[in-house]
Every structure is written in C-alpha cells, then in structure tokens.
Amino acid sequence: MYVDLFLTVSRNDKLISDLLIRDCRITGLYDGNGRQILDYDRDSRVQIISLAVNEDEVSLINKALKIGEVSAIVGNKTYQNHVCSTLNRDSELLEYLE
C-alpha cells in the first residue's frame, strides 16, 4: 500500500498545507511497544507506520516533523506495484525545509 505525505505549517497566523512526498510505500505497522502488527492481528492498535522513501527525502521529513504537522493520506496509486516515492518539487513548503 502507498500513501502521500502532506505537510501543514502555520506562518503568520495562516495555515499552509501541501503535498510533500507522493507514493510512499508502507513497509510495516507497529504497536506502541514497537512490535509489528501482523495481518491476522485484529486486537492491536497501530501507533507507528514505517515507510520506504528515497534516502535524500529522509532529512526533509525530519525537518517537516519539526516545523509542522505531517499527515499520511491515501493517494490514487494506493495498490499499484513498482511505484517509487517522489518529492513534490513544486511545493511552496520546500523553502521552509531548506
């Protein structure tokens, strides 16, 4: 499954939200103790989601987490195969991450 990451920041009493990275592959779901939640586990609650992204996108995600709120949203390529994460280079929020 794939999700898109959106960043929302508050600047000058104005909220700005935009797509940051599209098509991040979900590689694992974990509970609050860091134990992986398996398909047949219907009782555990997801606390952590691990995503596969390009190496150069990791630092941007870390900065985004410090300056605003990052949301994972199901995109239009949710169940396609062989999709790679892509940075939205047109995002107006990239200037805040550099």
PDB file of N, CA and C in Angstrom:
ATOM      1  N   MET A   1       0.835  -1.180   0.000  1.00  0.00           N
ATOM      2  CA  MET A   1       0.000   0.000   0.000  1.00  0.00           C
ATOM      3  C   MET A   1       0.880   1.243   0.000  1.00  0.00           C
ATOM      4  N   TYR A   2       0.397   2.299  -0.611  1.00  0.00           N
ATOM      5  CA  TYR A   2       1.138   3.550  -0.700  1.00  0.00           C
ATOM      6  C   TYR A   2       0.323   4.700  -0.109  1.00  0.00           C
ATOM      7  N   VAL A   3       1.032   5.684   0.450  1.00  0.00           N
ATOM      8  CA  VAL A   3       0.385   6.891   0.965  1.00  0.00           C
ATOM      9  C   VAL A   3       1.160   8.111   0.472  1.00  0.00           C
ATOM     10  N   ASP A   4       0.495   9.253   0.490  1.00  0.00           N
ATOM     11  CA  ASP A   4       1.128  10.535   0.182  1.00  0.00           C
ATOM     12  C   ASP A   4       1.331  11.275   1.497  1.00  0.00           C
ATOM     13  N   LEU A   5       2.452  11.973   1.630  1.00  0.00           N
ATOM     14  CA  LEU A   5       2.731  12.757   2.834  1.00  0.00           C
ATOM     15  C   LEU A   5       2.470  14.233   2.563  1.00  0.00           C
ATOM     16  N   PHE A   6       1.649  14.825   3.409  1.00  0.00           N
ATOM     17  CA  PHE A   6       1.341  16.249   3.326  1.00  0.00           C
ATOM     18  C   PHE A   6       1.937  16.950   4.539  1.00  0.00           C
ATOM     19  N   LEU A   7       2.411  18.159   4.340  1.00  0.00           N
ATOM     20  CA  LEU A   7       2.941  18.979   5.421  1.00  0.00           C
ATOM     21  C   LEU A   7       2.027  20.184   5.599  1.00  0.00           C
ATOM     22  N   THR A   8       1.692  20.471   6.858  1.00  0.00           N
ATOM     23  CA  THR A   8       0.912  21.655   7.197  1.00  0.00           C
ATOM     24  C   THR A   8       1.713  22.470   8.202  1.00  0.00           C
ATOM     25  N   VAL A   9       1.927  23.743   7.884  1.00  0.00           N
ATOM     26  CA  VAL A   9       2.652  24.647   8.786  1.00  0.00           C
ATOM     27  C   VAL A   9       1.811  25.891   9.027  1.00  0.00           C
ATOM     28  N   SER A  10       2.057  26.535  10.152  1.00  0.00           N
ATOM     29  CA  SER A  10       1.387  27.780  10.485  1.00  0.00           C
ATOM     30  C   SER A  10       2.407  28.912  10.371  1.00  0.00           C
ATOM     31  N   ARG A  11       2.132  29.863   9.497  1.00  0.00           N
ATOM     32  CA  ARG A  11       3.010  31.015   9.301  1.00  0.00           C
ATOM     33  C   ARG A  11       2.172  32.279   9.301  1.00  0.00           C
ATOM     34  N   ASN A  12       2.529  33.218  10.157  1.00  0.00           N
ATOM     35  CA  ASN A  12       1.828  34.500  10.232  1.00  0.00           C
ATOM     36  C   ASN A  12       0.318  34.306  10.388  1.00  0.00           C
ATOM     37  N   ASP A  13      -0.050  33.448  11.327  1.00  0.00           N
ATOM     38  CA  ASP A  13      -1.459  33.145  11.608  1.00  0.00           C
ATOM     39  C   ASP A  13      -2.215  32.599  10.399  1.00  0.00           C
ATOM     40  N   LYS A  14      -1.485  31.970   9.480  1.00  0.00           N
ATOM     41  CA  LYS A  14      -2.088  31.380   8.294  1.00  0.00           C
ATOM     42  C   LYS A  14      -1.590  29.945   8.161  1.00  0.00           C
ATOM     43  N   LEU A  15      -2.507  29.003   7.921  1.00  0.00           N
ATOM     44  CA  LEU A  15      -2.120  27.614   7.704  1.00  0.00           C
ATOM     45  C   LEU A  15      -1.801  27.392   6.236  1.00  0.00           C
ATOM     46  N   ILE A  16      -0.677  26.733   5.997  1.00  0.00           N
ATOM     47  CA  ILE A  16      -0.279  26.372   4.641  1.00  0.00           C
ATOM     48  C   ILE A  16      -0.120  24.862   4.615  1.00  0.00           C
ATOM     49  N   SER A  17      -0.761  24.197   3.671  1.00  0.00           N
ATOM     50  CA  SER A  17      -0.679  22.746   3.555  1.00  0.00           C
ATOM     51  C   SER A  17      -0.452  22.377   2.103  1.00  0.00           C
ATOM     52  N   ASP A  18       0.435  21.389   1.896  1.00  0.00           N
ATOM     53  CA  ASP A  18       0.733  20.988   0.522  1.00  0.00           C
ATOM     54  C   ASP A  18       1.305  19.569   0.523  1.00  0.00           C
ATOM     55  N   LEU A  19       1.199  18.922  -0.630  1.00  0.00           N
ATOM     56  CA  LEU A  19       1.794  17.614  -0.831  1.00  0.00           C
ATOM     57  C   LEU A  19       3.306  17.742  -0.748  1.00  0.00           C
ATOM     58  N   LEU A  20       3.925  16.913   0.079  1.00  0.00           N
ATOM     59  CA  LEU A  20       5.377  16.927   0.214  1.00  0.00           C
ATOM     60  C   LEU A  20       6.006  15.779  -0.583  1.00  0.00           C
ATOM     61  N   ILE A  21       5.569  14.547  -0.308  1.00  0.00           N
ATOM     62  CA  ILE A  21       6.103  13.364  -0.999  1.00  0.00           C
ATOM     63  C   ILE A  21       4.939  12.458  -1.372  1.00  0.00           C
ATOM     64  N   ARG A  22       4.909  12.032  -2.611  1.00  0.00           N
ATOM     65  CA  ARG A  22       3.829  11.131  -3.050  1.00  0.00           C
ATOM     66  C   ARG A  22       4.351   9.704  -3.161  1.00  0.00           C
ATOM     67  N   ASP A  23       3.438   8.765  -3.005  1.00  0.00           N
ATOM     68  CA  ASP A  23       3.686   7.339  -3.241  1.00  0.00           C
ATOM     69  C   ASP A  23       4.752   6.740  -2.325  1.00  0.00           C
ATOM     70  N   CYS A  24       4.583   6.945  -1.024  1.00  0.00           N
ATOM     71  CA  CYS A  24       5.470   6.321  -0.035  1.00  0.00           C
ATOM     72  C   CYS A  24       4.910   4.934   0.296  1.00  0.00           C
ATOM     73  N   ARG A  25       5.729   3.912   0.099  1.00  0.00           N
ATOM     74  CA  ARG A  25       5.265   2.539   0.342  1.00  0.00           C
ATOM     75  C   ARG A  25       5.271   2.229   1.829  1.00  0.00           C
ATOM     76  N   ILE A  26       4.162   1.713   2.335  1.00  0.00           N
ATOM     77  CA  ILE A  26       4.078   1.278   3.735  1.00  0.00           C
ATOM     78  C   ILE A  26       4.814  -0.045   3.853  1.00  0.00           C
ATOM     79  N   THR A  27       5.823  -0.091   4.728  1.00  0.00           N
ATOM     80  CA  THR A  27       6.616  -1.315   4.891  1.00  0.00           C
ATOM     81  C   THR A  27       6.297  -2.050   6.183  1.00  0.00           C
ATOM     82  N   GLY A  28       5.612  -1.403   7.112  1.00  0.00           N
ATOM     83  CA  GLY A  28       5.268  -2.086   8.351  1.00  0.00           C
ATOM     84  C   GLY A  28       4.347  -1.265   9.225  1.00  0.00           C
ATOM     85  N   LEU A  29       3.572  -1.969  10.040  1.00  0.00           N
ATOM     86  CA  LEU A  29       2.688  -1.354  11.025  1.00  0.00           C
ATOM     87  C   LEU A  29       3.084  -1.900  12.390  1.00  0.00           C
ATOM     88  N   TYR A  30       3.212  -1.013  13.401  1.00  0.00           N
ATOM     89  CA  TYR A  30       3.710  -1.407  14.712  1.00  0.00           C
ATOM     90  C   TYR A  30       2.830  -0.854  15.817  1.00  0.00           C
ATOM     91  N   ASP A  31       2.816  -1.551  16.949  1.00  0.00           N
ATOM     92  CA  ASP A  31       2.053  -1.075  18.103  1.00  0.00           C
ATOM     93  C   ASP A  31       2.914  -0.110  18.916  1.00  0.00           C
ATOM     94  N   GLY A  32       2.414   0.357  20.033  1.00  0.00           N
ATOM     95  CA  GLY A  32       3.118   1.321  20.870  1.00  0.00           C
ATOM     96  C   GLY A  32       4.404   0.804  21.486  1.00  0.00           C
ATOM     97  N   ASN A  33       4.573  -0.516  21.518  1.00  0.00           N
ATOM     98  CA  ASN A  33       5.795  -1.130  22.049  1.00  0.00           C
ATOM     99  C   ASN A  33       6.792  -1.489  20.961  1.00  0.00           C
ATOM    100  N   GLY A  34       6.497  -1.111  19.736  1.00  0.00           N
ATOM    101  CA  GLY A  34       7.407  -1.388  18.634  1.00  0.00           C
ATOM    102  C   GLY A  34       7.288  -2.787  18.057  1.00  0.00           C
ATOM    103  N   ARG A  35       6.263  -3.523  18.432  1.00  0.00           N
ATOM    104  CA  ARG A  35       6.062  -4.867  17.889  1.00  0.00           C
ATOM    105  C   ARG A  35       5.241  -4.773  16.605  1.00  0.00           C
ATOM    106  N   GLN A  36       5.694  -5.509  15.600  1.00  0.00           N
ATOM    107  CA  GLN A  36       5.000  -5.483  14.322  1.00  0.00           C
ATOM    108  C   GLN A  36       3.606  -6.092  14.449  1.00  0.00           C
ATOM    109  N   ILE A  37       2.649  -5.431  13.810  1.00  0.00           N
ATOM    110  CA  ILE A  37       1.271  -5.911  13.782  1.00  0.00           C
ATOM    111  C   ILE A  37       1.109  -6.745  12.512  1.00  0.00           C
ATOM    112  N   LEU A  38       0.734  -7.984  12.679  1.00  0.00           N
ATOM    113  CA  LEU A  38       0.595  -8.893  11.550  1.00  0.00           C
ATOM    114  C   LEU A  38      -0.839  -8.863  11.008  1.00  0.00           C
ATOM    115  N   ASP A  39      -1.016  -9.377   9.811  1.00  0.00           N
ATOM    116  CA  ASP A  39      -2.320  -9.351   9.132  1.00  0.00           C
ATOM    117  C   ASP A  39      -3.440  -9.933   9.965  1.00  0.00           C
ATOM    118  N   TYR A  40      -3.158 -11.006  10.668  1.00  0.00           N
ATOM    119  CA  TYR A  40      -4.217 -11.698  11.413  1.00  0.00           C
ATOM    120  C   TYR A  40      -4.485 -11.087  12.788  1.00  0.00           C
ATOM    121  N   ASP A  41      -3.710 -10.096  13.191  1.00  0.00           N
ATOM    122  CA  ASP A  41      -3.877  -9.441  14.494  1.00  0.00           C
ATOM    123  C   ASP A  41      -4.989  -8.397  14.404  1.00  0.00           C
ATOM    124  N   ARG A  42      -6.114  -8.683  15.016  1.00  0.00           N
ATOM    125  CA  ARG A  42      -7.258  -7.774  14.967  1.00  0.00           C
ATOM    126  C   ARG A  42      -7.400  -6.947  16.246  1.00  0.00           C
ATOM    127  N   ASP A  43      -6.535  -7.189  17.242  1.00  0.00           N
ATOM    128  CA  ASP A  43      -6.672  -6.532  18.537  1.00  0.00           C
ATOM    129  C   ASP A  43      -5.730  -5.342  18.734  1.00  0.00           C
ATOM    130  N   SER A  44      -4.577  -5.355  18.098  1.00  0.00           N
ATOM    131  CA  SER A  44      -3.578  -4.299  18.304  1.00  0.00           C
ATOM    132  C   SER A  44      -3.967  -3.022  17.578  1.00  0.00           C
ATOM    133  N   ARG A  45      -3.515  -1.895  18.133  1.00  0.00           N
ATOM    134  CA  ARG A  45      -3.748  -0.590  17.504  1.00  0.00           C
ATOM    135  C   ARG A  45      -2.435  -0.086  16.919  1.00  0.00           C
ATOM    136  N   VAL A  46      -2.523   0.447  15.715  1.00  0.00           N
ATOM    137  CA  VAL A  46      -1.337   0.964  15.034  1.00  0.00           C
ATOM    138  C   VAL A  46      -0.909   2.270  15.692  1.00  0.00           C
ATOM    139  N   GLN A  47       0.361   2.334  16.101  1.00  0.00           N
ATOM    140  CA  GLN A  47       0.950   3.547  16.668  1.00  0.00           C
ATOM    141  C   GLN A  47       2.071   4.084  15.782  1.00  0.00           C
ATOM    142  N   ILE A  48       2.713   3.171  15.036  1.00  0.00           N
ATOM    143  CA  ILE A  48       3.862   3.540  14.207  1.00  0.00           C
ATOM    144  C   ILE A  48       3.676   2.934  12.819  1.00  0.00           C
ATOM    145  N   ILE A  49       3.936   3.715  11.784  1.00  0.00           N
ATOM    146  CA  ILE A  49       3.920   3.242  10.413  1.00  0.00           C
ATOM    147  C   ILE A  49       5.312   3.490   9.834  1.00  0.00           C
ATOM    148  N   SER A  50       5.926   2.456   9.276  1.00  0.00           N
ATOM    149  CA  SER A  50       7.218   2.655   8.613  1.00  0.00           C
ATOM    150  C   SER A  50       6.986   2.775   7.111  1.00  0.00           C
ATOM    151  N   LEU A  51       7.731   3.691   6.495  1.00  0.00           N
ATOM    152  CA  LEU A  51       7.565   3.992   5.075  1.00  0.00           C
ATOM    153  C   LEU A  51       8.893   3.856   4.346  1.00  0.00           C
ATOM    154  N   ALA A  52       8.832   3.439   3.100  1.00  0.00           N
ATOM    155  CA  ALA A  52      10.009   3.404   2.240  1.00  0.00           C
ATOM    156  C   ALA A  52      10.033   4.695   1.426  1.00  0.00           C
ATOM    157  N   VAL A  53      11.113   5.465   1.583  1.00  0.00           N
ATOM    158  CA  VAL A  53      11.292   6.702   0.829  1.00  0.00           C
ATOM    159  C   VAL A  53      12.727   6.760   0.335  1.00  0.00           C
ATOM    160  N   ASN A  54      12.983   7.650  -0.608  1.00  0.00           N
ATOM    161  CA  ASN A  54      14.350   7.848  -1.085  1.00  0.00           C
ATOM    162  C   ASN A  54      15.210   8.425   0.030  1.00  0.00           C
ATOM    163  N   GLU A  55      16.466   8.080   0.042  1.00  0.00           N
ATOM    164  CA  GLU A  55      17.374   8.498   1.112  1.00  0.00           C
ATOM    165  C   GLU A  55      17.435  10.013   1.281  1.00  0.00           C
ATOM    166  N   ASP A  56      17.415  10.761   0.175  1.00  0.00           N
ATOM    167  CA  ASP A  56      17.510  12.218   0.267  1.00  0.00           C
ATOM    168  C   ASP A  56      16.227  12.858   0.806  1.00  0.00           C
ATOM    169  N   GLU A  57      15.139  12.097   0.883  1.00  0.00           N
ATOM    170  CA  GLU A  57      13.881  12.614   1.414  1.00  0.00           C
ATOM    171  C   GLU A  57      13.783  12.485   2.938  1.00  0.00           C
ATOM    172  N   VAL A  58      14.648  11.676   3.542  1.00  0.00           N
ATOM    173  CA  VAL A  58      14.592  11.438   4.991  1.00  0.00           C
ATOM    174  C   VAL A  58      14.837  12.729   5.766  1.00  0.00           C
ATOM    175  N   SER A  59      15.856  13.486   5.386  1.00  0.00           N
ATOM    176  CA  SER A  59      16.149  14.727   6.107  1.00  0.00           C
ATOM    177  C   SER A  59      15.005  15.737   5.959  1.00  0.00           C
ATOM    178  N   LEU A  60      14.360  15.766   4.793  1.00  0.00           N
ATOM    179  CA  LEU A  60      13.218  16.667   4.600  1.00  0.00           C
ATOM    180  C   LEU A  60      12.048  16.277   5.497  1.00  0.00           C
ATOM    181  N   ILE A  61      11.810  14.982   5.631  1.00  0.00           N
ATOM    182  CA  ILE A  61      10.734  14.519   6.501  1.00  0.00           C
ATOM    183  C   ILE A  61      11.039  14.883   7.949  1.00  0.00           C
ATOM    184  N   ASN A  62      12.284  14.699   8.372  1.00  0.00           N
ATOM    185  CA  ASN A  62      12.660  15.062   9.750  1.00  0.00           C
ATOM    186  C   ASN A  62      12.470  16.548  10.009  1.00  0.00           C
ATOM    187  N   LYS A  63      12.867  17.387   9.071  1.00  0.00           N
ATOM    188  CA  LYS A  63      12.659  18.828   9.218  1.00  0.00           C
ATOM    189  C   LYS A  63      11.172  19.159   9.239  1.00  0.00           C
ATOM    190  N   ALA A  64      10.408  18.498   8.369  1.00  0.00           N
ATOM    191  CA  ALA A  64       8.969  18.740   8.309  1.00  0.00           C
ATOM    192  C   ALA A  64       8.304  18.404   9.637  1.00  0.00           C
ATOM    193  N   LEU A  65       8.741  17.330  10.268  1.00  0.00           N
ATOM    194  CA  LEU A  65       8.173  16.947  11.562  1.00  0.00           C
ATOM    195  C   LEU A  65       8.465  17.984  12.640  1.00  0.00           C
ATOM    196  N   LYS A  66       9.567  18.717  12.506  1.00  0.00           N
ATOM    197  CA  LYS A  66       9.941  19.746  13.485  1.00  0.00           C
ATOM    198  C   LYS A  66       9.176  21.051  13.283  1.00  0.00           C
ATOM    199  N   ILE A  67       8.854  21.386  12.046  1.00  0.00           N
ATOM    200  CA  ILE A  67       8.248  22.703  11.794  1.00  0.00           C
ATOM    201  C   ILE A  67       6.738  22.674  11.633  1.00  0.00           C
ATOM    202  N   GLY A  68       6.169  21.485  11.483  1.00  0.00           N
ATOM    203  CA  GLY A  68       4.721  21.423  11.250  1.00  0.00           C
ATOM    204  C   GLY A  68       4.168  20.048  11.518  1.00  0.00           C
ATOM    205  N   GLU A  69       3.035  19.780  10.917  1.00  0.00           N
ATOM    206  CA  GLU A  69       2.355  18.502  11.088  1.00  0.00           C
ATOM    207  C   GLU A  69       2.390  17.746   9.767  1.00  0.00           C
ATOM    208  N   VAL A  70       2.859  16.493   9.825  1.00  0.00           N
ATOM    209  CA  VAL A  70       2.921  15.642   8.646  1.00  0.00           C
ATOM    210  C   VAL A  70       1.762  14.651   8.713  1.00  0.00           C
ATOM    211  N   SER A  71       1.009  14.560   7.629  1.00  0.00           N
ATOM    212  CA  SER A  71      -0.133  13.654   7.550  1.00  0.00           C
ATOM    213  C   SER A  71       0.077  12.664   6.412  1.00  0.00           C
ATOM    214  N   ALA A  72      -0.287  11.419   6.657  1.00  0.00           N
ATOM    215  CA  ALA A  72      -0.248  10.393   5.615  1.00  0.00           C
ATOM    216  C   ALA A  72      -1.664  10.211   5.087  1.00  0.00           C
ATOM    217  N   ILE A  73      -1.827  10.420   3.794  1.00  0.00           N
ATOM    218  CA  ILE A  73      -3.129  10.362   3.145  1.00  0.00           C
ATOM    219  C   ILE A  73      -3.071   9.321   2.028  1.00  0.00           C
ATOM    220  N   VAL A  74      -4.108   8.512   1.926  1.00  0.00           N
ATOM    221  CA  VAL A  74      -4.175   7.523   0.851  1.00  0.00           C
ATOM    222  C   VAL A  74      -4.316   8.254  -0.469  1.00  0.00           C
ATOM    223  N   GLY A  75      -3.417   7.940  -1.403  1.00  0.00           N
ATOM    224  CA  GLY A  75      -3.428   8.599  -2.708  1.00  0.00           C
ATOM    225  C   GLY A  75      -4.126   7.770  -3.763  1.00  0.00           C
ATOM    226  N   ASN A  76      -3.950   8.150  -5.017  1.00  0.00           N
ATOM    227  CA  ASN A  76      -4.635   7.451  -6.100  1.00  0.00           C
ATOM    228  C   ASN A  76      -3.866   6.235  -6.619  1.00  0.00           C
ATOM    229  N   LYS A  77      -2.660   5.992  -6.115  1.00  0.00           N
ATOM    230  CA  LYS A  77      -1.881   4.820  -6.523  1.00  0.00           C
ATOM    231  C   LYS A  77      -1.733   3.839  -5.361  1.00  0.00           C
ATOM    232  N   THR A  78      -2.704   3.774  -4.515  1.00  0.00           N
ATOM    233  CA  THR A  78      -2.627   3.022  -3.272  1.00  0.00           C
ATOM    234  C   THR A  78      -2.186   1.581  -3.456  1.00  0.00           C
ATOM    235  N   TYR A  79      -2.698   0.899  -4.457  1.00  0.00           N
ATOM    236  CA  TYR A  79      -2.417  -0.525  -4.605  1.00  0.00           C
ATOM    237  C   TYR A  79      -1.626  -0.869  -5.856  1.00  0.00           C
ATOM    238  N   GLN A  80      -1.013   0.114  -6.507  1.00  0.00           N
ATOM    239  CA  GLN A  80      -0.207  -0.181  -7.694  1.00  0.00           C
ATOM    240  C   GLN A  80       1.136  -0.768  -7.281  1.00  0.00           C
ATOM    241  N   ASN A  81       1.759  -1.483  -8.192  1.00  0.00           N
ATOM    242  CA  ASN A  81       3.070  -2.079  -7.936  1.00  0.00           C
ATOM    243  C   ASN A  81       4.170  -1.257  -8.590  1.00  0.00           C
ATOM    244  N   HIS A  82       5.371  -1.387  -8.054  1.00  0.00           N
ATOM    245  CA  HIS A  82       6.582  -0.786  -8.620  1.00  0.00           C
ATOM    246  C   HIS A  82       6.500   0.740  -8.733  1.00  0.00           C
ATOM    247  N   VAL A  83       6.011   1.355  -7.681  1.00  0.00           N
ATOM    248  CA  VAL A  83       5.941   2.816  -7.622  1.00  0.00           C
ATOM    249  C   VAL A  83       7.004   3.283  -6.623  1.00  0.00           C
ATOM    250  N   CYS A  84       7.702   4.355  -6.927  1.00  0.00           N
ATOM    251  CA  CYS A  84       8.709   4.909  -6.024  1.00  0.00           C
ATOM    252  C   CYS A  84       8.232   6.254  -5.487  1.00  0.00           C
ATOM    253  N   SER A  85       8.655   6.562  -4.268  1.00  0.00           N
ATOM    254  CA  SER A  85       8.285   7.849  -3.689  1.00  0.00           C
ATOM    255  C   SER A  85       8.907   8.975  -4.507  1.00  0.00           C
ATOM    256  N   THR A  86       8.186  10.087  -4.583  1.00  0.00           N
ATOM    257  CA  THR A  86       8.618  11.231  -5.380  1.00  0.00           C
ATOM    258  C   THR A  86       8.391  12.510  -4.602  1.00  0.00           C
ATOM    259  N   LEU A  87       9.428  13.315  -4.474  1.00  0.00           N
ATOM    260  CA  LEU A  87       9.331  14.616  -3.828  1.00  0.00           C
ATOM    261  C   LEU A  87       8.557  15.575  -4.722  1.00  0.00           C
ATOM    262  N   ASN A  88       7.629  16.323  -4.141  1.00  0.00           N
ATOM    263  CA  ASN A  88       6.878  17.342  -4.875  1.00  0.00           C
ATOM    264  C   ASN A  88       7.742  18.604  -4.950  1.00  0.00           C
ATOM    265  N   ARG A  89       8.521  18.711  -5.995  1.00  0.00           N
ATOM    266  CA  ARG A  89       9.455  19.838  -6.141  1.00  0.00           C
ATOM    267  C   ARG A  89       8.742  21.168  -6.374  1.00  0.00           C
ATOM    268  N   ASP A  90       7.452  21.127  -6.671  1.00  0.00           N
ATOM    269  CA  ASP A  90       6.675  22.351  -6.880  1.00  0.00           C
ATOM    270  C   ASP A  90       6.027  22.852  -5.607  1.00  0.00           C
ATOM    271  N   SER A  91       6.236  22.164  -4.492  1.00  0.00           N
ATOM    272  CA  SER A  91       5.587  22.551  -3.243  1.00  0.00           C
ATOM    273  C   SER A  91       6.124  23.896  -2.741  1.00  0.00           C
ATOM    274  N   GLU A  92       5.210  24.761  -2.358  1.00  0.00           N
ATOM    275  CA  GLU A  92       5.604  26.052  -1.783  1.00  0.00           C
ATOM    276  C   GLU A  92       6.243  25.891  -0.401  1.00  0.00           C
ATOM    277  N   LEU A  93       6.095  24.719   0.200  1.00  0.00           N
ATOM    278  CA  LEU A  93       6.639  24.493   1.543  1.00  0.00           C
ATOM    279  C   LEU A  93       8.114  24.082   1.531  1.00  0.00           C
ATOM    280  N   LEU A  94       8.676  23.754   0.368  1.00  0.00           N
ATOM    281  CA  LEU A  94      10.082  23.354   0.326  1.00  0.00           C
ATOM    282  C   LEU A  94      11.016  24.447   0.819  1.00  0.00           C
ATOM    283  N   GLU A  95      10.655  25.705   0.618  1.00  0.00           N
ATOM    284  CA  GLU A  95      11.506  26.799   1.085  1.00  0.00           C
ATOM    285  C   GLU A  95      11.656  26.779   2.604  1.00  0.00           C
ATOM    286  N   TYR A  96      10.680  26.260   3.331  1.00  0.00           N
ATOM    287  CA  TYR A  96      10.766  26.176   4.784  1.00  0.00           C
ATOM    288  C   TYR A  96      11.652  25.023   5.236  1.00  0.00           C
ATOM    289  N   LEU A  97      11.943  24.094   4.341  1.00  0.00           N
ATOM    290  CA  LEU A  97      12.705  22.904   4.688  1.00  0.00           C
ATOM    291  C   LEU A  97      14.168  22.990   4.279  1.00  0.00           C
ATOM    292  N   GLU A  98      14.551  24.061   3.633  1.00  0.00           N
ATOM    293  CA  GLU A  98      15.943  24.195   3.181  1.00  0.00           C
ATOM    294  C   GLU A  98      16.776  25.008   4.123  1.00  0.00           C
TER     295      GLU A  98
END
